[in-house]
Amino acid sequence: MCDSRRRFTYFSVDCPGSAHDSIAWMMTSMWKQLETQGLPRPFYIVADAAYTGFTRIVCPYSGNNLTVYEDSLNFHVSQVRIEIECAFGM
């Protein structure tokens, strides 16, 4: 996990690389803390589609027949998610 300045704020090495992202997420201390204490408003986590269904996590819509709103949200989610990609590349 990183912030908007591409600084890593959390990571976990509890699962092997073969674990599905959502399974690995549910095994972290961060997930346990967020499930019990929540995330303070107005904060949220932006993630990919593997994390759909988790509280306070914004994921892109899937499919091809998206509304203008859904397509716009997907664009903005993609722009935010670029930060984590750049954090790894620095």
N, C-alpha and C. Protein backbone atom coordinates (compact mmCIF):
# COMPACT_ATOMS: atom_id res chain seq x y z
N MET A 1 0.85 -1.14 0.00
CA MET A 1 0.00 0.00 0.00
C MET A 1 0.91 1.22 0.00
N CYS A 2 0.53 2.25 -0.76
CA CYS A 2 1.31 3.48 -0.76
C CYS A 2 0.37 4.67 -0.70
N ASP A 3 0.95 5.83 -0.36
CA ASP A 3 0.16 7.06 -0.33
C ASP A 3 0.29 7.79 -1.66
N SER A 4 -0.30 8.96 -1.75
CA SER A 4 -0.29 9.71 -3.00
C SER A 4 1.09 10.26 -3.35
N ARG A 5 2.02 10.17 -2.42
CA ARG A 5 3.40 10.60 -2.69
C ARG A 5 4.32 9.42 -3.00
N ARG A 6 3.71 8.27 -3.26
CA ARG A 6 4.41 7.05 -3.63
C ARG A 6 5.30 6.50 -2.51
N ARG A 7 4.92 6.78 -1.29
CA ARG A 7 5.63 6.25 -0.13
C ARG A 7 4.87 5.02 0.36
N PHE A 8 5.58 3.93 0.56
CA PHE A 8 4.93 2.73 1.06
C PHE A 8 4.48 2.96 2.49
N THR A 9 3.22 2.64 2.76
CA THR A 9 2.65 2.83 4.09
C THR A 9 2.32 1.52 4.77
N TYR A 10 2.28 0.44 4.00
CA TYR A 10 1.98 -0.88 4.57
C TYR A 10 2.38 -1.94 3.56
N PHE A 11 2.89 -3.06 4.07
CA PHE A 11 3.12 -4.23 3.24
C PHE A 11 3.06 -5.47 4.12
N SER A 12 2.84 -6.60 3.51
CA SER A 12 2.76 -7.86 4.23
C SER A 12 3.45 -8.93 3.40
N VAL A 13 4.18 -9.79 4.07
CA VAL A 13 4.84 -10.91 3.40
C VAL A 13 4.37 -12.24 4.01
N ASP A 14 3.12 -12.25 4.45
CA ASP A 14 2.58 -13.42 5.14
C ASP A 14 2.17 -14.56 4.21
N CYS A 15 1.95 -14.28 2.93
CA CYS A 15 1.45 -15.30 2.01
C CYS A 15 2.42 -15.53 0.87
N PRO A 16 2.40 -16.74 0.31
CA PRO A 16 3.23 -16.99 -0.87
C PRO A 16 2.68 -16.25 -2.08
N GLY A 17 3.52 -16.05 -3.06
CA GLY A 17 3.10 -15.33 -4.27
C GLY A 17 1.97 -15.99 -5.03
N SER A 18 1.75 -17.27 -4.78
CA SER A 18 0.68 -17.99 -5.49
C SER A 18 -0.70 -17.73 -4.88
N ALA A 19 -0.76 -17.08 -3.73
CA ALA A 19 -2.06 -16.80 -3.08
C ALA A 19 -2.81 -15.72 -3.86
N HIS A 20 -4.12 -15.90 -3.99
CA HIS A 20 -4.95 -14.88 -4.64
C HIS A 20 -4.90 -13.61 -3.80
N ASP A 21 -4.91 -12.46 -4.48
CA ASP A 21 -4.80 -11.17 -3.78
C ASP A 21 -5.82 -11.01 -2.67
N SER A 22 -7.07 -11.38 -2.92
CA SER A 22 -8.10 -11.18 -1.90
C SER A 22 -7.88 -12.08 -0.69
N ILE A 23 -7.36 -13.29 -0.91
CA ILE A 23 -7.05 -14.19 0.21
C ILE A 23 -5.88 -13.63 1.01
N ALA A 24 -4.85 -13.18 0.31
CA ALA A 24 -3.69 -12.60 0.99
C ALA A 24 -4.11 -11.37 1.79
N TRP A 25 -4.99 -10.55 1.23
CA TRP A 25 -5.48 -9.34 1.93
C TRP A 25 -6.19 -9.71 3.22
N MET A 26 -7.04 -10.74 3.19
CA MET A 26 -7.79 -11.13 4.38
C MET A 26 -6.90 -11.74 5.47
N MET A 27 -5.68 -12.08 5.15
CA MET A 27 -4.77 -12.64 6.14
C MET A 27 -3.87 -11.57 6.77
N THR A 28 -4.00 -10.33 6.36
CA THR A 28 -3.13 -9.27 6.89
C THR A 28 -3.69 -8.66 8.16
N SER A 29 -2.80 -8.09 8.95
CA SER A 29 -3.23 -7.37 10.15
C SER A 29 -4.00 -6.10 9.77
N MET A 30 -3.68 -5.52 8.62
CA MET A 30 -4.40 -4.31 8.16
C MET A 30 -5.87 -4.63 7.90
N TRP A 31 -6.14 -5.76 7.25
CA TRP A 31 -7.53 -6.14 6.99
C TRP A 31 -8.27 -6.35 8.30
N LYS A 32 -7.64 -7.05 9.23
CA LYS A 32 -8.28 -7.31 10.52
C LYS A 32 -8.59 -6.00 11.25
N GLN A 33 -7.66 -5.08 11.20
CA GLN A 33 -7.88 -3.79 11.85
C GLN A 33 -9.00 -3.01 11.17
N LEU A 34 -9.03 -3.00 9.85
CA LEU A 34 -10.08 -2.27 9.13
C LEU A 34 -11.45 -2.90 9.34
N GLU A 35 -11.49 -4.22 9.47
CA GLU A 35 -12.77 -4.89 9.70
C GLU A 35 -13.32 -4.58 11.08
N THR A 36 -12.46 -4.40 12.06
CA THR A 36 -12.94 -4.15 13.42
C THR A 36 -13.09 -2.66 13.72
N GLN A 37 -12.16 -1.84 13.23
CA GLN A 37 -12.17 -0.42 13.57
C GLN A 37 -12.62 0.46 12.42
N GLY A 38 -12.61 -0.06 11.21
CA GLY A 38 -12.99 0.73 10.05
C GLY A 38 -11.89 1.69 9.64
N LEU A 39 -12.17 2.43 8.62
CA LEU A 39 -11.24 3.43 8.09
C LEU A 39 -11.89 4.78 8.30
N PRO A 40 -11.17 5.73 8.90
CA PRO A 40 -11.82 7.03 9.17
C PRO A 40 -12.24 7.73 7.88
N ARG A 41 -13.40 8.33 7.93
CA ARG A 41 -13.86 9.11 6.78
C ARG A 41 -13.05 10.38 6.71
N PRO A 42 -12.70 10.90 5.60
CA PRO A 42 -13.12 10.55 4.24
C PRO A 42 -12.16 9.60 3.54
N PHE A 43 -11.34 8.87 4.27
CA PHE A 43 -10.32 8.03 3.65
C PHE A 43 -10.91 6.74 3.08
N TYR A 44 -10.25 6.24 2.05
CA TYR A 44 -10.63 4.99 1.41
C TYR A 44 -9.40 4.41 0.75
N ILE A 45 -9.49 3.18 0.32
CA ILE A 45 -8.40 2.49 -0.36
C ILE A 45 -8.84 2.25 -1.80
N VAL A 46 -7.96 2.54 -2.73
CA VAL A 46 -8.22 2.27 -4.15
C VAL A 46 -7.46 1.01 -4.52
N ALA A 47 -8.16 0.08 -5.13
CA ALA A 47 -7.54 -1.22 -5.46
C ALA A 47 -8.05 -1.73 -6.80
N ASP A 48 -7.54 -2.88 -7.20
CA ASP A 48 -8.03 -3.48 -8.44
C ASP A 48 -9.23 -4.38 -8.16
N ALA A 49 -9.73 -4.99 -9.19
CA ALA A 49 -10.98 -5.76 -9.09
C ALA A 49 -10.90 -6.96 -8.16
N ALA A 50 -9.70 -7.39 -7.79
CA ALA A 50 -9.56 -8.53 -6.87
C ALA A 50 -10.12 -8.22 -5.49
N TYR A 51 -10.28 -6.95 -5.18
CA TYR A 51 -10.70 -6.54 -3.85
C TYR A 51 -12.16 -6.09 -3.79
N THR A 52 -12.93 -6.36 -4.81
CA THR A 52 -14.34 -6.00 -4.85
C THR A 52 -15.07 -6.65 -3.68
N GLY A 53 -15.93 -5.88 -3.03
CA GLY A 53 -16.72 -6.42 -1.93
C GLY A 53 -16.18 -6.12 -0.56
N PHE A 54 -15.00 -5.52 -0.48
CA PHE A 54 -14.45 -5.16 0.82
C PHE A 54 -14.88 -3.74 1.18
N THR A 55 -15.15 -3.51 2.45
CA THR A 55 -15.59 -2.21 2.93
C THR A 55 -14.51 -1.15 2.75
N ARG A 56 -14.92 0.03 2.29
CA ARG A 56 -14.06 1.21 2.13
C ARG A 56 -12.95 1.01 1.10
N ILE A 57 -13.13 0.06 0.18
CA ILE A 57 -12.19 -0.13 -0.91
C ILE A 57 -12.92 0.18 -2.22
N VAL A 58 -12.36 1.11 -2.98
CA VAL A 58 -12.94 1.50 -4.26
C VAL A 58 -12.26 0.69 -5.36
N CYS A 59 -13.05 -0.03 -6.13
CA CYS A 59 -12.55 -0.87 -7.21
C CYS A 59 -13.19 -0.44 -8.52
N PRO A 60 -12.53 -0.73 -9.64
CA PRO A 60 -13.13 -0.40 -10.93
C PRO A 60 -14.33 -1.30 -11.23
N TYR A 61 -15.23 -0.77 -12.04
CA TYR A 61 -16.34 -1.57 -12.54
C TYR A 61 -15.81 -2.51 -13.61
N SER A 62 -16.41 -3.68 -13.73
CA SER A 62 -16.00 -4.62 -14.77
C SER A 62 -17.05 -4.64 -15.88
N GLY A 63 -16.65 -5.16 -17.01
CA GLY A 63 -17.57 -5.28 -18.13
C GLY A 63 -17.31 -4.27 -19.22
N ASN A 64 -18.04 -4.43 -20.32
CA ASN A 64 -17.87 -3.56 -21.48
C ASN A 64 -18.98 -2.54 -21.64
N ASN A 65 -20.16 -2.83 -21.14
CA ASN A 65 -21.30 -1.93 -21.31
C ASN A 65 -21.47 -1.04 -20.09
N LEU A 66 -20.49 -0.19 -19.84
CA LEU A 66 -20.52 0.67 -18.66
C LEU A 66 -21.23 1.98 -18.96
N THR A 67 -21.84 2.53 -17.93
CA THR A 67 -22.44 3.85 -18.07
C THR A 67 -21.32 4.88 -18.12
N VAL A 68 -21.66 6.10 -18.47
CA VAL A 68 -20.67 7.18 -18.50
C VAL A 68 -20.06 7.36 -17.11
N TYR A 69 -20.89 7.28 -16.08
CA TYR A 69 -20.42 7.41 -14.70
C TYR A 69 -19.42 6.31 -14.36
N GLU A 70 -19.77 5.06 -14.68
CA GLU A 70 -18.90 3.93 -14.36
C GLU A 70 -17.57 4.02 -15.11
N ASP A 71 -17.64 4.39 -16.39
CA ASP A 71 -16.43 4.53 -17.19
C ASP A 71 -15.55 5.66 -16.64
N SER A 72 -16.16 6.73 -16.23
CA SER A 72 -15.42 7.85 -15.65
C SER A 72 -14.75 7.44 -14.34
N LEU A 73 -15.49 6.72 -13.50
CA LEU A 73 -14.91 6.25 -12.25
C LEU A 73 -13.73 5.32 -12.52
N ASN A 74 -13.87 4.43 -13.49
CA ASN A 74 -12.77 3.53 -13.83
C ASN A 74 -11.53 4.30 -14.27
N PHE A 75 -11.72 5.36 -15.04
CA PHE A 75 -10.59 6.18 -15.47
C PHE A 75 -9.88 6.78 -14.26
N HIS A 76 -10.63 7.35 -13.34
CA HIS A 76 -10.04 8.00 -12.18
C HIS A 76 -9.39 6.99 -11.23
N VAL A 77 -10.00 5.84 -11.06
CA VAL A 77 -9.40 4.78 -10.25
C VAL A 77 -8.07 4.35 -10.88
N SER A 78 -8.04 4.23 -12.19
CA SER A 78 -6.81 3.86 -12.89
C SER A 78 -5.72 4.90 -12.67
N GLN A 79 -6.08 6.17 -12.73
CA GLN A 79 -5.10 7.24 -12.52
C GLN A 79 -4.50 7.18 -11.11
N VAL A 80 -5.33 6.89 -10.13
CA VAL A 80 -4.84 6.81 -8.75
C VAL A 80 -3.97 5.57 -8.57
N ARG A 81 -4.37 4.47 -9.16
CA ARG A 81 -3.62 3.22 -9.00
C ARG A 81 -2.24 3.28 -9.65
N ILE A 82 -2.04 4.19 -10.55
CA ILE A 82 -0.72 4.35 -11.18
C ILE A 82 0.34 4.69 -10.13
N GLU A 83 -0.07 5.33 -9.05
CA GLU A 83 0.89 5.71 -8.00
C GLU A 83 1.60 4.50 -7.42
N ILE A 84 0.88 3.41 -7.17
CA ILE A 84 1.54 2.23 -6.60
C ILE A 84 2.48 1.60 -7.63
N GLU A 85 2.09 1.63 -8.90
CA GLU A 85 2.97 1.11 -9.94
C GLU A 85 4.25 1.93 -10.01
N CYS A 86 4.12 3.24 -9.90
CA CYS A 86 5.30 4.11 -9.92
C CYS A 86 6.15 3.93 -8.65
N ALA A 87 5.51 3.67 -7.54
CA ALA A 87 6.25 3.45 -6.28
C ALA A 87 7.19 2.26 -6.43
N PHE A 88 6.73 1.21 -7.08
CA PHE A 88 7.59 0.04 -7.29
C PHE A 88 8.70 0.34 -8.28
N GLY A 89 8.45 1.26 -9.20
CA GLY A 89 9.43 1.57 -10.23
C GLY A 89 10.49 2.57 -9.83
N MET A 90 10.33 3.19 -8.66
CA MET A 90 11.28 4.23 -8.27
C MET A 90 12.59 3.66 -7.78
